[in-house]
Amino acid sequence: MRFVYAGLGLLCVALAVIGIVLPLLPTVPFLLLAAFLFANSSDRLHNWILEHNIFGPLIEDWRSSGSIRPGAKKAATVSIAAVFALSLILGVPTYVVVIQAVVLGCVLVFIWSRPNG
């Protein structure tokens, strides 16, 4: 079972890395899940993610206060706006744009309603 948890944890890290670039894929929740899975599978991987220069502070901010750093909020906002603008430029069907607007708007409200880390 430890190998399954470790494998799932690595998958979550990979998804978090992809989420840094793609706004529809959340980064911090995948990192939190990876930390949980590593804690139940490998001390080495758990310590690695907590001590990681980029991932560690994000996990610690969320664990300690449920906060997101202002830089991460700004980066998420810019990437969300870019994806939405790209959809408009490419002429995506109206119903897709409406769905995107609702979902991405909710994501932005959530992100900006969290305290600053």
PDB file of N, CA and C in Angstrom:
ATOM      1  N   MET A   1       0.813  -1.191   0.000  1.00  0.00           N
ATOM      2  CA  MET A   1       0.000   0.000   0.000  1.00  0.00           C
ATOM      3  C   MET A   1       0.864   1.265   0.000  1.00  0.00           C
ATOM      4  N   ARG A   2       2.028   1.167   0.624  1.00  0.00           N
ATOM      5  CA  ARG A   2       2.929   2.328   0.656  1.00  0.00           C
ATOM      6  C   ARG A   2       3.335   2.761  -0.745  1.00  0.00           C
ATOM      7  N   PHE A   3       3.549   1.786  -1.633  1.00  0.00           N
ATOM      8  CA  PHE A   3       3.944   2.121  -3.003  1.00  0.00           C
ATOM      9  C   PHE A   3       2.802   2.804  -3.760  1.00  0.00           C
ATOM     10  N   VAL A   4       1.585   2.379  -3.472  1.00  0.00           N
ATOM     11  CA  VAL A   4       0.420   3.002  -4.113  1.00  0.00           C
ATOM     12  C   VAL A   4       0.317   4.461  -3.663  1.00  0.00           C
ATOM     13  N   TYR A   5       0.443   4.701  -2.351  1.00  0.00           N
ATOM     14  CA  TYR A   5       0.395   6.072  -1.828  1.00  0.00           C
ATOM     15  C   TYR A   5       1.528   6.915  -2.399  1.00  0.00           C
ATOM     16  N   ALA A   6       2.717   6.351  -2.448  1.00  0.00           N
ATOM     17  CA  ALA A   6       3.853   7.100  -2.996  1.00  0.00           C
ATOM     18  C   ALA A   6       3.620   7.421  -4.473  1.00  0.00           C
ATOM     19  N   GLY A   7       3.126   6.454  -5.222  1.00  0.00           N
ATOM     20  CA  GLY A   7       2.839   6.684  -6.639  1.00  0.00           C
ATOM     21  C   GLY A   7       1.763   7.740  -6.844  1.00  0.00           C
ATOM     22  N   LEU A   8       0.710   7.674  -6.031  1.00  0.00           N
ATOM     23  CA  LEU A   8      -0.345   8.686  -6.117  1.00  0.00           C
ATOM     24  C   LEU A   8       0.181  10.064  -5.712  1.00  0.00           C
ATOM     25  N   GLY A   9       1.065  10.077  -4.715  1.00  0.00           N
ATOM     26  CA  GLY A   9       1.675  11.343  -4.305  1.00  0.00           C
ATOM     27  C   GLY A   9       2.499  11.959  -5.423  1.00  0.00           C
ATOM     28  N   LEU A  10       3.269  11.138  -6.119  1.00  0.00           N
ATOM     29  CA  LEU A  10       4.060  11.638  -7.249  1.00  0.00           C
ATOM     30  C   LEU A  10       3.158  12.127  -8.381  1.00  0.00           C
ATOM     31  N   LEU A  11       2.057  11.425  -8.604  1.00  0.00           N
ATOM     32  CA  LEU A  11       1.087  11.867  -9.607  1.00  0.00           C
ATOM     33  C   LEU A  11       0.508  13.231  -9.220  1.00  0.00           C
ATOM     34  N   CYS A  12       0.208  13.413  -7.943  1.00  0.00           N
ATOM     35  CA  CYS A  12      -0.312  14.703  -7.471  1.00  0.00           C
ATOM     36  C   CYS A  12       0.711  15.820  -7.651  1.00  0.00           C
ATOM     37  N   VAL A  13       1.977  15.530  -7.407  1.00  0.00           N
ATOM     38  CA  VAL A  13       3.021  16.538  -7.630  1.00  0.00           C
ATOM     39  C   VAL A  13       3.074  16.900  -9.112  1.00  0.00           C
ATOM     40  N   ALA A  14       2.998  15.891  -9.979  1.00  0.00           N
ATOM     41  CA  ALA A  14       3.014  16.156 -11.421  1.00  0.00           C
ATOM     42  C   ALA A  14       1.820  17.023 -11.818  1.00  0.00           C
ATOM     43  N   LEU A  15       0.649  16.726 -11.290  1.00  0.00           N
ATOM     44  CA  LEU A  15      -0.542  17.529 -11.596  1.00  0.00           C
ATOM     45  C   LEU A  15      -0.406  18.953 -11.056  1.00  0.00           C
ATOM     46  N   ALA A  16       0.221  19.096  -9.887  1.00  0.00           N
ATOM     47  CA  ALA A  16       0.444  20.430  -9.323  1.00  0.00           C
ATOM     48  C   ALA A  16       1.376  21.238 -10.209  1.00  0.00           C
ATOM     49  N   VAL A  17       2.406  20.596 -10.723  1.00  0.00           N
ATOM     50  CA  VAL A  17       3.347  21.286 -11.621  1.00  0.00           C
ATOM     51  C   VAL A  17       2.619  21.723 -12.895  1.00  0.00           C
ATOM     52  N   ILE A  18       1.782  20.851 -13.431  1.00  0.00           N
ATOM     53  CA  ILE A  18       0.996  21.219 -14.609  1.00  0.00           C
ATOM     54  C   ILE A  18       0.039  22.357 -14.248  1.00  0.00           C
ATOM     55  N   GLY A  19      -0.504  22.316 -13.029  1.00  0.00           N
ATOM     56  CA  GLY A  19      -1.423  23.350 -12.566  1.00  0.00           C
ATOM     57  C   GLY A  19      -0.796  24.719 -12.425  1.00  0.00           C
ATOM     58  N   ILE A  20       0.515  24.774 -12.332  1.00  0.00           N
ATOM     59  CA  ILE A  20       1.197  26.065 -12.290  1.00  0.00           C
ATOM     60  C   ILE A  20       0.974  26.800 -13.604  1.00  0.00           C
ATOM     61  N   VAL A  21       0.877  26.043 -14.702  1.00  0.00           N
ATOM     62  CA  VAL A  21       0.712  26.624 -16.033  1.00  0.00           C
ATOM     63  C   VAL A  21      -0.754  26.682 -16.454  1.00  0.00           C
ATOM     64  N   LEU A  22      -1.530  25.670 -16.085  1.00  0.00           N
ATOM     65  CA  LEU A  22      -2.937  25.605 -16.490  1.00  0.00           C
ATOM     66  C   LEU A  22      -3.842  26.044 -15.350  1.00  0.00           C
ATOM     67  N   PRO A  23      -4.590  27.119 -15.517  1.00  0.00           N
ATOM     68  CA  PRO A  23      -5.390  27.655 -14.423  1.00  0.00           C
ATOM     69  C   PRO A  23      -6.550  26.778 -13.981  1.00  0.00           C
ATOM     70  N   LEU A  24      -7.015  25.873 -14.813  1.00  0.00           N
ATOM     71  CA  LEU A  24      -8.130  25.022 -14.409  1.00  0.00           C
ATOM     72  C   LEU A  24      -7.687  23.872 -13.520  1.00  0.00           C
ATOM     73  N   LEU A  25      -6.402  23.675 -13.386  1.00  0.00           N
ATOM     74  CA  LEU A  25      -5.863  22.613 -12.550  1.00  0.00           C
ATOM     75  C   LEU A  25      -5.272  23.248 -11.295  1.00  0.00           C
ATOM     76  N   PRO A  26      -5.857  22.996 -10.132  1.00  0.00           N
ATOM     77  CA  PRO A  26      -5.385  23.664  -8.921  1.00  0.00           C
ATOM     78  C   PRO A  26      -4.037  23.125  -8.450  1.00  0.00           C
ATOM     79  N   THR A  27      -3.169  24.002  -8.035  1.00  0.00           N
ATOM     80  CA  THR A  27      -1.837  23.595  -7.595  1.00  0.00           C
ATOM     81  C   THR A  27      -1.814  23.191  -6.131  1.00  0.00           C
ATOM     82  N   VAL A  28      -2.246  24.078  -5.255  1.00  0.00           N
ATOM     83  CA  VAL A  28      -2.123  23.837  -3.817  1.00  0.00           C
ATOM     84  C   VAL A  28      -2.892  22.591  -3.358  1.00  0.00           C
ATOM     85  N   PRO A  29      -4.131  22.361  -3.797  1.00  0.00           N
ATOM     86  CA  PRO A  29      -4.803  21.131  -3.343  1.00  0.00           C
ATOM     87  C   PRO A  29      -4.046  19.854  -3.717  1.00  0.00           C
ATOM     88  N   PHE A  30      -3.447  19.838  -4.900  1.00  0.00           N
ATOM     89  CA  PHE A  30      -2.664  18.657  -5.278  1.00  0.00           C
ATOM     90  C   PHE A  30      -1.416  18.526  -4.416  1.00  0.00           C
ATOM     91  N   LEU A  31      -0.802  19.657  -4.054  1.00  0.00           N
ATOM     92  CA  LEU A  31       0.364  19.596  -3.175  1.00  0.00           C
ATOM     93  C   LEU A  31      -0.025  19.119  -1.779  1.00  0.00           C
ATOM     94  N   LEU A  32      -1.164  19.580  -1.277  1.00  0.00           N
ATOM     95  CA  LEU A  32      -1.628  19.126   0.037  1.00  0.00           C
ATOM     96  C   LEU A  32      -1.923  17.635   0.026  1.00  0.00           C
ATOM     97  N   LEU A  33      -2.547  17.174  -1.041  1.00  0.00           N
ATOM     98  CA  LEU A  33      -2.838  15.750  -1.157  1.00  0.00           C
ATOM     99  C   LEU A  33      -1.542  14.949  -1.275  1.00  0.00           C
ATOM    100  N   ALA A  34      -0.586  15.465  -2.025  1.00  0.00           N
ATOM    101  CA  ALA A  34       0.711  14.786  -2.150  1.00  0.00           C
ATOM    102  C   ALA A  34       1.393  14.692  -0.791  1.00  0.00           C
ATOM    103  N   ALA A  35       1.362  15.773  -0.024  1.00  0.00           N
ATOM    104  CA  ALA A  35       1.980  15.756   1.310  1.00  0.00           C
ATOM    105  C   ALA A  35       1.322  14.700   2.193  1.00  0.00           C
ATOM    106  N   PHE A  36      -0.001  14.603   2.134  1.00  0.00           N
ATOM    107  CA  PHE A  36      -0.727  13.589   2.901  1.00  0.00           C
ATOM    108  C   PHE A  36      -0.314  12.186   2.460  1.00  0.00           C
ATOM    109  N   LEU A  37      -0.295  11.959   1.152  1.00  0.00           N
ATOM    110  CA  LEU A  37       0.057  10.634   0.638  1.00  0.00           C
ATOM    111  C   LEU A  37       1.495  10.267   0.975  1.00  0.00           C
ATOM    112  N   PHE A  38       2.402  11.242   0.888  1.00  0.00           N
ATOM    113  CA  PHE A  38       3.802  10.972   1.236  1.00  0.00           C
ATOM    114  C   PHE A  38       3.950  10.699   2.727  1.00  0.00           C
ATOM    115  N   ALA A  39       3.161  11.395   3.549  1.00  0.00           N
ATOM    116  CA  ALA A  39       3.231  11.163   5.000  1.00  0.00           C
ATOM    117  C   ALA A  39       2.836   9.739   5.347  1.00  0.00           C
ATOM    118  N   ASN A  40       2.000   9.149   4.509  1.00  0.00           N
ATOM    119  CA  ASN A  40       1.551   7.779   4.746  1.00  0.00           C
ATOM    120  C   ASN A  40       2.336   6.743   3.959  1.00  0.00           C
ATOM    121  N   SER A  41       3.373   7.182   3.247  1.00  0.00           N
ATOM    122  CA  SER A  41       4.104   6.212   2.439  1.00  0.00           C
ATOM    123  C   SER A  41       5.619   6.306   2.584  1.00  0.00           C
ATOM    124  N   SER A  42       6.149   7.516   2.677  1.00  0.00           N
ATOM    125  CA  SER A  42       7.592   7.666   2.640  1.00  0.00           C
ATOM    126  C   SER A  42       8.041   8.919   3.391  1.00  0.00           C
ATOM    127  N   ASP A  43       8.812   8.719   4.448  1.00  0.00           N
ATOM    128  CA  ASP A  43       9.357   9.868   5.184  1.00  0.00           C
ATOM    129  C   ASP A  43      10.248  10.712   4.277  1.00  0.00           C
ATOM    130  N   ARG A  44      10.987  10.047   3.419  1.00  0.00           N
ATOM    131  CA  ARG A  44      11.900  10.764   2.529  1.00  0.00           C
ATOM    132  C   ARG A  44      11.131  11.702   1.582  1.00  0.00           C
ATOM    133  N   LEU A  45      10.079  11.193   0.934  1.00  0.00           N
ATOM    134  CA  LEU A  45       9.285  12.021   0.030  1.00  0.00           C
ATOM    135  C   LEU A  45       8.514  13.104   0.789  1.00  0.00           C
ATOM    136  N   HIS A  46       8.008  12.759   1.976  1.00  0.00           N
ATOM    137  CA  HIS A  46       7.288  13.740   2.780  1.00  0.00           C
ATOM    138  C   HIS A  46       8.207  14.894   3.174  1.00  0.00           C
ATOM    139  N   ASN A  47       9.380  14.574   3.636  1.00  0.00           N
ATOM    140  CA  ASN A  47      10.342  15.625   3.992  1.00  0.00           C
ATOM    141  C   ASN A  47      10.763  16.430   2.763  1.00  0.00           C
ATOM    142  N   TRP A  48      10.909  15.755   1.617  1.00  0.00           N
ATOM    143  CA  TRP A  48      11.290  16.450   0.388  1.00  0.00           C
ATOM    144  C   TRP A  48      10.264  17.515   0.013  1.00  0.00           C
ATOM    145  N   ILE A  49       8.977  17.148   0.030  1.00  0.00           N
ATOM    146  CA  ILE A  49       7.972  18.113  -0.408  1.00  0.00           C
ATOM    147  C   ILE A  49       7.824  19.257   0.596  1.00  0.00           C
ATOM    148  N   LEU A  50       7.967  18.962   1.880  1.00  0.00           N
ATOM    149  CA  LEU A  50       7.860  20.020   2.896  1.00  0.00           C
ATOM    150  C   LEU A  50       9.056  20.963   2.866  1.00  0.00           C
ATOM    151  N   GLU A  51      10.208  20.457   2.469  1.00  0.00           N
ATOM    152  CA  GLU A  51      11.419  21.277   2.429  1.00  0.00           C
ATOM    153  C   GLU A  51      11.697  21.859   1.047  1.00  0.00           C
ATOM    154  N   HIS A  52      10.866  21.546   0.075  1.00  0.00           N
ATOM    155  CA  HIS A  52      11.043  22.045  -1.287  1.00  0.00           C
ATOM    156  C   HIS A  52      10.942  23.576  -1.280  1.00  0.00           C
ATOM    157  N   ASN A  53      11.811  24.224  -2.041  1.00  0.00           N
ATOM    158  CA  ASN A  53      11.854  25.691  -2.067  1.00  0.00           C
ATOM    159  C   ASN A  53      10.555  26.331  -2.536  1.00  0.00           C
ATOM    160  N   ILE A  54       9.868  25.708  -3.480  1.00  0.00           N
ATOM    161  CA  ILE A  54       8.631  26.276  -4.014  1.00  0.00           C
ATOM    162  C   ILE A  54       7.409  25.666  -3.332  1.00  0.00           C
ATOM    163  N   PHE A  55       7.351  24.358  -3.264  1.00  0.00           N
ATOM    164  CA  PHE A  55       6.169  23.683  -2.743  1.00  0.00           C
ATOM    165  C   PHE A  55       6.021  23.791  -1.233  1.00  0.00           C
ATOM    166  N   GLY A  56       7.119  23.695  -0.527  1.00  0.00           N
ATOM    167  CA  GLY A  56       7.077  23.691   0.942  1.00  0.00           C
ATOM    168  C   GLY A  56       6.375  24.897   1.548  1.00  0.00           C
ATOM    169  N   PRO A  57       6.754  26.119   1.156  1.00  0.00           N
ATOM    170  CA  PRO A  57       6.081  27.292   1.729  1.00  0.00           C
ATOM    171  C   PRO A  57       4.582  27.353   1.410  1.00  0.00           C
ATOM    172  N   LEU A  58       4.183  26.902   0.229  1.00  0.00           N
ATOM    173  CA  LEU A  58       2.756  26.896  -0.118  1.00  0.00           C
ATOM    174  C   LEU A  58       1.978  25.953   0.793  1.00  0.00           C
ATOM    175  N   ILE A  59       2.555  24.785   1.056  1.00  0.00           N
ATOM    176  CA  ILE A  59       1.912  23.809   1.939  1.00  0.00           C
ATOM    177  C   ILE A  59       1.856  24.358   3.357  1.00  0.00           C
ATOM    178  N   GLU A  60       2.944  24.931   3.821  1.00  0.00           N
ATOM    179  CA  GLU A  60       2.988  25.469   5.183  1.00  0.00           C
ATOM    180  C   GLU A  60       2.002  26.626   5.366  1.00  0.00           C
ATOM    181  N   ASP A  61       1.924  27.518   4.384  1.00  0.00           N
ATOM    182  CA  ASP A  61       0.959  28.632   4.469  1.00  0.00           C
ATOM    183  C   ASP A  61      -0.464  28.093   4.617  1.00  0.00           C
ATOM    184  N   TRP A  62      -0.798  27.114   3.781  1.00  0.00           N
ATOM    185  CA  TRP A  62      -2.154  26.572   3.820  1.00  0.00           C
ATOM    186  C   TRP A  62      -2.408  25.843   5.132  1.00  0.00           C
ATOM    187  N   ARG A  63      -1.448  25.048   5.587  1.00  0.00           N
ATOM    188  CA  ARG A  63      -1.612  24.298   6.837  1.00  0.00           C
ATOM    189  C   ARG A  63      -1.761  25.217   8.038  1.00  0.00           C
ATOM    190  N   SER A  64      -0.978  26.275   8.077  1.00  0.00           N
ATOM    191  CA  SER A  64      -0.973  27.132   9.255  1.00  0.00           C
ATOM    192  C   SER A  64      -2.153  28.099   9.300  1.00  0.00           C
ATOM    193  N   SER A  65      -2.579  28.617   8.139  1.00  0.00           N
ATOM    194  CA  SER A  65      -3.618  29.654   8.192  1.00  0.00           C
ATOM    195  C   SER A  65      -4.615  29.614   7.039  1.00  0.00           C
ATOM    196  N   GLY A  66      -4.543  28.617   6.180  1.00  0.00           N
ATOM    197  CA  GLY A  66      -5.449  28.572   5.031  1.00  0.00           C
ATOM    198  C   GLY A  66      -5.204  29.712   4.062  1.00  0.00           C
ATOM    199  N   SER A  67      -3.958  30.178   4.014  1.00  0.00           N
ATOM    200  CA  SER A  67      -3.650  31.366   3.209  1.00  0.00           C
ATOM    201  C   SER A  67      -2.950  31.008   1.900  1.00  0.00           C
ATOM    202  N   ILE A  68      -3.038  31.967   0.974  1.00  0.00           N
ATOM    203  CA  ILE A  68      -2.355  31.863  -0.316  1.00  0.00           C
ATOM    204  C   ILE A  68      -1.535  33.130  -0.481  1.00  0.00           C
ATOM    205  N   ARG A  69      -0.313  32.991  -0.904  1.00  0.00           N
ATOM    206  CA  ARG A  69       0.568  34.151  -1.065  1.00  0.00           C
ATOM    207  C   ARG A  69       0.075  35.078  -2.177  1.00  0.00           C
ATOM    208  N   PRO A  70       0.250  36.391  -1.986  1.00  0.00           N
ATOM    209  CA  PRO A  70      -0.210  37.352  -2.998  1.00  0.00           C
ATOM    210  C   PRO A  70       0.370  37.091  -4.388  1.00  0.00           C
ATOM    211  N   GLY A  71       1.625  36.693  -4.465  1.00  0.00           N
ATOM    212  CA  GLY A  71       2.231  36.387  -5.757  1.00  0.00           C
ATOM    213  C   GLY A  71       1.527  35.236  -6.457  1.00  0.00           C
ATOM    214  N   ALA A  72       1.139  34.228  -5.686  1.00  0.00           N
ATOM    215  CA  ALA A  72       0.415  33.085  -6.261  1.00  0.00           C
ATOM    216  C   ALA A  72      -0.982  33.509  -6.709  1.00  0.00           C
ATOM    217  N   LYS A  73      -1.605  34.399  -5.937  1.00  0.00           N
ATOM    218  CA  LYS A  73      -2.923  34.908  -6.328  1.00  0.00           C
ATOM    219  C   LYS A  73      -2.828  35.681  -7.642  1.00  0.00           C
ATOM    220  N   LYS A  74      -1.824  36.521  -7.758  1.00  0.00           N
ATOM    221  CA  LYS A  74      -1.647  37.306  -8.977  1.00  0.00           C
ATOM    222  C   LYS A  74      -1.345  36.413 -10.172  1.00  0.00           C
ATOM    223  N   ALA A  75      -0.472  35.424  -9.978  1.00  0.00           N
ATOM    224  CA  ALA A  75      -0.129  34.511 -11.072  1.00  0.00           C
ATOM    225  C   ALA A  75      -1.355  33.730 -11.521  1.00  0.00           C
ATOM    226  N   ALA A  76      -2.165  33.280 -10.578  1.00  0.00           N
ATOM    227  CA  ALA A  76      -3.382  32.552 -10.931  1.00  0.00           C
ATOM    228  C   ALA A  76      -4.343  33.453 -11.701  1.00  0.00           C
ATOM    229  N   THR A  77      -4.465  34.690 -11.259  1.00  0.00           N
ATOM    230  CA  THR A  77      -5.366  35.634 -11.930  1.00  0.00           C
ATOM    231  C   THR A  77      -4.919  35.912 -13.361  1.00  0.00           C
ATOM    232  N   VAL A  78      -3.628  36.123 -13.540  1.00  0.00           N
ATOM    233  CA  VAL A  78      -3.106  36.388 -14.889  1.00  0.00           C
ATOM    234  C   VAL A  78      -3.314  35.181 -15.790  1.00  0.00           C
ATOM    235  N   SER A  79      -3.044  33.985 -15.295  1.00  0.00           N
ATOM    236  CA  SER A  79      -3.196  32.802 -16.146  1.00  0.00           C
ATOM    237  C   SER A  79      -4.668  32.534 -16.450  1.00  0.00           C
ATOM    238  N   ILE A  80      -5.544  32.775 -15.492  1.00  0.00           N
ATOM    239  CA  ILE A  80      -6.975  32.603 -15.735  1.00  0.00           C
ATOM    240  C   ILE A  80      -7.448  33.599 -16.789  1.00  0.00           C
ATOM    241  N   ALA A  81      -7.021  34.837 -16.660  1.00  0.00           N
ATOM    242  CA  ALA A  81      -7.396  35.859 -17.645  1.00  0.00           C
ATOM    243  C   ALA A  81      -6.859  35.513 -19.033  1.00  0.00           C
ATOM    244  N   ALA A  82      -5.645  34.989 -19.083  1.00  0.00           N
ATOM    245  CA  ALA A  82      -5.049  34.623 -20.375  1.00  0.00           C
ATOM    246  C   ALA A  82      -5.831  33.500 -21.046  1.00  0.00           C
ATOM    247  N   VAL A  83      -6.220  32.497 -20.283  1.00  0.00           N
ATOM    248  CA  VAL A  83      -6.971  31.382 -20.853  1.00  0.00           C
ATOM    249  C   VAL A  83      -8.343  31.864 -21.322  1.00  0.00           C
ATOM    250  N   PHE A  84      -8.973  32.711 -20.537  1.00  0.00           N
ATOM    251  CA  PHE A  84     -10.284  33.236 -20.927  1.00  0.00           C
ATOM    252  C   PHE A  84     -10.164  34.091 -22.193  1.00  0.00           C
ATOM    253  N   ALA A  85      -9.153  34.940 -22.236  1.00  0.00           N
ATOM    254  CA  ALA A  85      -8.935  35.775 -23.429  1.00  0.00           C
ATOM    255  C   ALA A  85      -8.661  34.914 -24.654  1.00  0.00           C
ATOM    256  N   LEU A  86      -7.884  33.860 -24.479  1.00  0.00           N
ATOM    257  CA  LEU A  86      -7.593  32.953 -25.590  1.00  0.00           C
ATOM    258  C   LEU A  86      -8.874  32.300 -26.105  1.00  0.00           C
ATOM    259  N   SER A  87      -9.754  31.937 -25.202  1.00  0.00           N
ATOM    260  CA  SER A  87     -11.029  31.353 -25.617  1.00  0.00           C
ATOM    261  C   SER A  87     -11.834  32.347 -26.452  1.00  0.00           C
ATOM    262  N   LEU A  88     -11.819  33.604 -26.032  1.00  0.00           N
ATOM    263  CA  LEU A  88     -12.539  34.632 -26.790  1.00  0.00           C
ATOM    264  C   LEU A  88     -11.905  34.855 -28.157  1.00  0.00           C
ATOM    265  N   ILE A  89     -10.596  34.901 -28.201  1.00  0.00           N
ATOM    266  CA  ILE A  89      -9.867  35.126 -29.460  1.00  0.00           C
ATOM    267  C   ILE A  89     -10.104  33.982 -30.439  1.00  0.00           C
ATOM    268  N   LEU A  90     -10.119  32.753 -29.920  1.00  0.00           N
ATOM    269  CA  LEU A  90     -10.295  31.578 -30.771  1.00  0.00           C
ATOM    270  C   LEU A  90     -11.748  31.350 -31.175  1.00  0.00           C
ATOM    271  N   GLY A  91     -12.645  32.136 -30.629  1.00  0.00           N
ATOM    272  CA  GLY A  91     -14.050  32.000 -30.996  1.00  0.00           C
ATOM    273  C   GLY A  91     -14.709  30.746 -30.461  1.00  0.00           C
ATOM    274  N   VAL A  92     -14.363  30.390 -29.253  1.00  0.00           N
ATOM    275  CA  VAL A  92     -14.973  29.224 -28.607  1.00  0.00           C
ATOM    276  C   VAL A  92     -16.487  29.456 -28.523  1.00  0.00           C
ATOM    277  N   PRO A  93     -17.281  28.402 -28.658  1.00  0.00           N
ATOM    278  CA  PRO A  93     -18.742  28.567 -28.591  1.00  0.00           C
ATOM    279  C   PRO A  93     -19.194  29.316 -27.332  1.00  0.00           C
ATOM    280  N   THR A  94     -20.260  30.070 -27.479  1.00  0.00           N
ATOM    281  CA  THR A  94     -20.746  30.934 -26.402  1.00  0.00           C
ATOM    282  C   THR A  94     -21.017  30.161 -25.117  1.00  0.00           C
ATOM    283  N   TYR A  95     -21.645  28.987 -25.225  1.00  0.00           N
ATOM    284  CA  TYR A  95     -21.961  28.234 -24.011  1.00  0.00           C
ATOM    285  C   TYR A  95     -20.691  27.831 -23.259  1.00  0.00           C
ATOM    286  N   VAL A  96     -19.618  27.551 -23.971  1.00  0.00           N
ATOM    287  CA  VAL A  96     -18.344  27.205 -23.322  1.00  0.00           C
ATOM    288  C   VAL A  96     -17.767  28.428 -22.623  1.00  0.00           C
ATOM    289  N   VAL A  97     -17.844  29.578 -23.292  1.00  0.00           N
ATOM    290  CA  VAL A  97     -17.349  30.819 -22.686  1.00  0.00           C
ATOM    291  C   VAL A  97     -18.138  31.151 -21.416  1.00  0.00           C
ATOM    292  N   VAL A  98     -19.435  30.941 -21.445  1.00  0.00           N
ATOM    293  CA  VAL A  98     -20.268  31.206 -20.266  1.00  0.00           C
ATOM    294  C   VAL A  98     -19.880  30.263 -19.125  1.00  0.00           C
ATOM    295  N   ILE A  99     -19.717  28.987 -19.443  1.00  0.00           N
ATOM    296  CA  ILE A  99     -19.291  28.017 -18.417  1.00  0.00           C
ATOM    297  C   ILE A  99     -17.928  28.405 -17.856  1.00  0.00           C
ATOM    298  N   GLN A 100     -17.003  28.763 -18.737  1.00  0.00           N
ATOM    299  CA  GLN A 100     -15.680  29.198 -18.281  1.00  0.00           C
ATOM    300  C   GLN A 100     -15.792  30.410 -17.377  1.00  0.00           C
ATOM    301  N   ALA A 101     -16.591  31.379 -17.778  1.00  0.00           N
ATOM    302  CA  ALA A 101     -16.733  32.605 -16.984  1.00  0.00           C
ATOM    303  C   ALA A 101     -17.246  32.289 -15.582  1.00  0.00           C
ATOM    304  N   VAL A 102     -18.225  31.418 -15.481  1.00  0.00           N
ATOM    305  CA  VAL A 102     -18.788  31.065 -14.174  1.00  0.00           C
ATOM    306  C   VAL A 102     -17.763  30.312 -13.326  1.00  0.00           C
ATOM    307  N   VAL A 103     -17.167  29.274 -13.908  1.00  0.00           N
ATOM    308  CA  VAL A 103     -16.213  28.449 -13.158  1.00  0.00           C
ATOM    309  C   VAL A 103     -14.973  29.262 -12.768  1.00  0.00           C
ATOM    310  N   LEU A 104     -14.399  29.955 -13.734  1.00  0.00           N
ATOM    311  CA  LEU A 104     -13.192  30.728 -13.445  1.00  0.00           C
ATOM    312  C   LEU A 104     -13.485  31.882 -12.492  1.00  0.00           C
ATOM    313  N   GLY A 105     -14.673  32.464 -12.612  1.00  0.00           N
ATOM    314  CA  GLY A 105     -15.062  33.510 -11.662  1.00  0.00           C
ATOM    315  C   GLY A 105     -15.133  32.968 -10.240  1.00  0.00           C
ATOM    316  N   CYS A 106     -15.708  31.781 -10.080  1.00  0.00           N
ATOM    317  CA  CYS A 106     -15.772  31.147  -8.748  1.00  0.00           C
ATOM    318  C   CYS A 106     -14.375  30.838  -8.217  1.00  0.00           C
ATOM    319  N   VAL A 107     -13.512  30.364  -9.099  1.00  0.00           N
ATOM    320  CA  VAL A 107     -12.128  30.082  -8.694  1.00  0.00           C
ATOM    321  C   VAL A 107     -11.445  31.361  -8.217  1.00  0.00           C
ATOM    322  N   LEU A 108     -11.628  32.446  -8.942  1.00  0.00           N
ATOM    323  CA  LEU A 108     -11.012  33.717  -8.546  1.00  0.00           C
ATOM    324  C   LEU A 108     -11.571  34.230  -7.218  1.00  0.00           C
ATOM    325  N   VAL A 109     -12.871  34.096  -7.026  1.00  0.00           N
ATOM    326  CA  VAL A 109     -13.464  34.516  -5.751  1.00  0.00           C
ATOM    327  C   VAL A 109     -12.857  33.708  -4.607  1.00  0.00           C
ATOM    328  N   PHE A 110     -12.732  32.397  -4.800  1.00  0.00           N
ATOM    329  CA  PHE A 110     -12.134  31.566  -3.758  1.00  0.00           C
ATOM    330  C   PHE A 110     -10.696  31.991  -3.472  1.00  0.00           C
ATOM    331  N   ILE A 111      -9.908  32.131  -4.524  1.00  0.00           N
ATOM    332  CA  ILE A 111      -8.494  32.483  -4.358  1.00  0.00           C
ATOM    333  C   ILE A 111      -8.344  33.809  -3.621  1.00  0.00           C
ATOM    334  N   TRP A 112      -9.083  34.817  -4.060  1.00  0.00           N
ATOM    335  CA  TRP A 112      -8.920  36.152  -3.486  1.00  0.00           C
ATOM    336  C   TRP A 112      -9.598  36.311  -2.127  1.00  0.00           C
ATOM    337  N   SER A 113     -10.450  35.341  -1.761  1.00  0.00           N
ATOM    338  CA  SER A 113     -11.087  35.394  -0.426  1.00  0.00           C
ATOM    339  C   SER A 113     -10.210  34.750   0.643  1.00  0.00           C
ATOM    340  N   ARG A 114      -9.178  34.037   0.237  1.00  0.00           N
ATOM    341  CA  ARG A 114      -8.252  33.433   1.216  1.00  0.00           C
ATOM    342  C   ARG A 114      -7.352  34.525   1.766  1.00  0.00           C
ATOM    343  N   PRO A 115      -6.934  34.374   3.028  1.00  0.00           N
ATOM    344  CA  PRO A 115      -5.991  35.351   3.576  1.00  0.00           C
ATOM    345  C   PRO A 115      -4.649  35.302   2.842  1.00  0.00           C
ATOM    346  N   ASN A 116      -3.910  36.400   2.901  1.00  0.00           N
ATOM    347  CA  ASN A 116      -2.589  36.438   2.283  1.00  0.00           C
ATOM    348  C   ASN A 116      -1.584  35.700   3.147  1.00  0.00           C
ATOM    349  N   GLY A 117      -0.763  34.919   2.487  1.00  0.00           N
ATOM    350  CA  GLY A 117       0.273  34.144   3.217  1.00  0.00           C
ATOM    351  C   GLY A 117       1.551  34.896   3.341  1.00  0.00           C
TER     352      GLY A 117
END
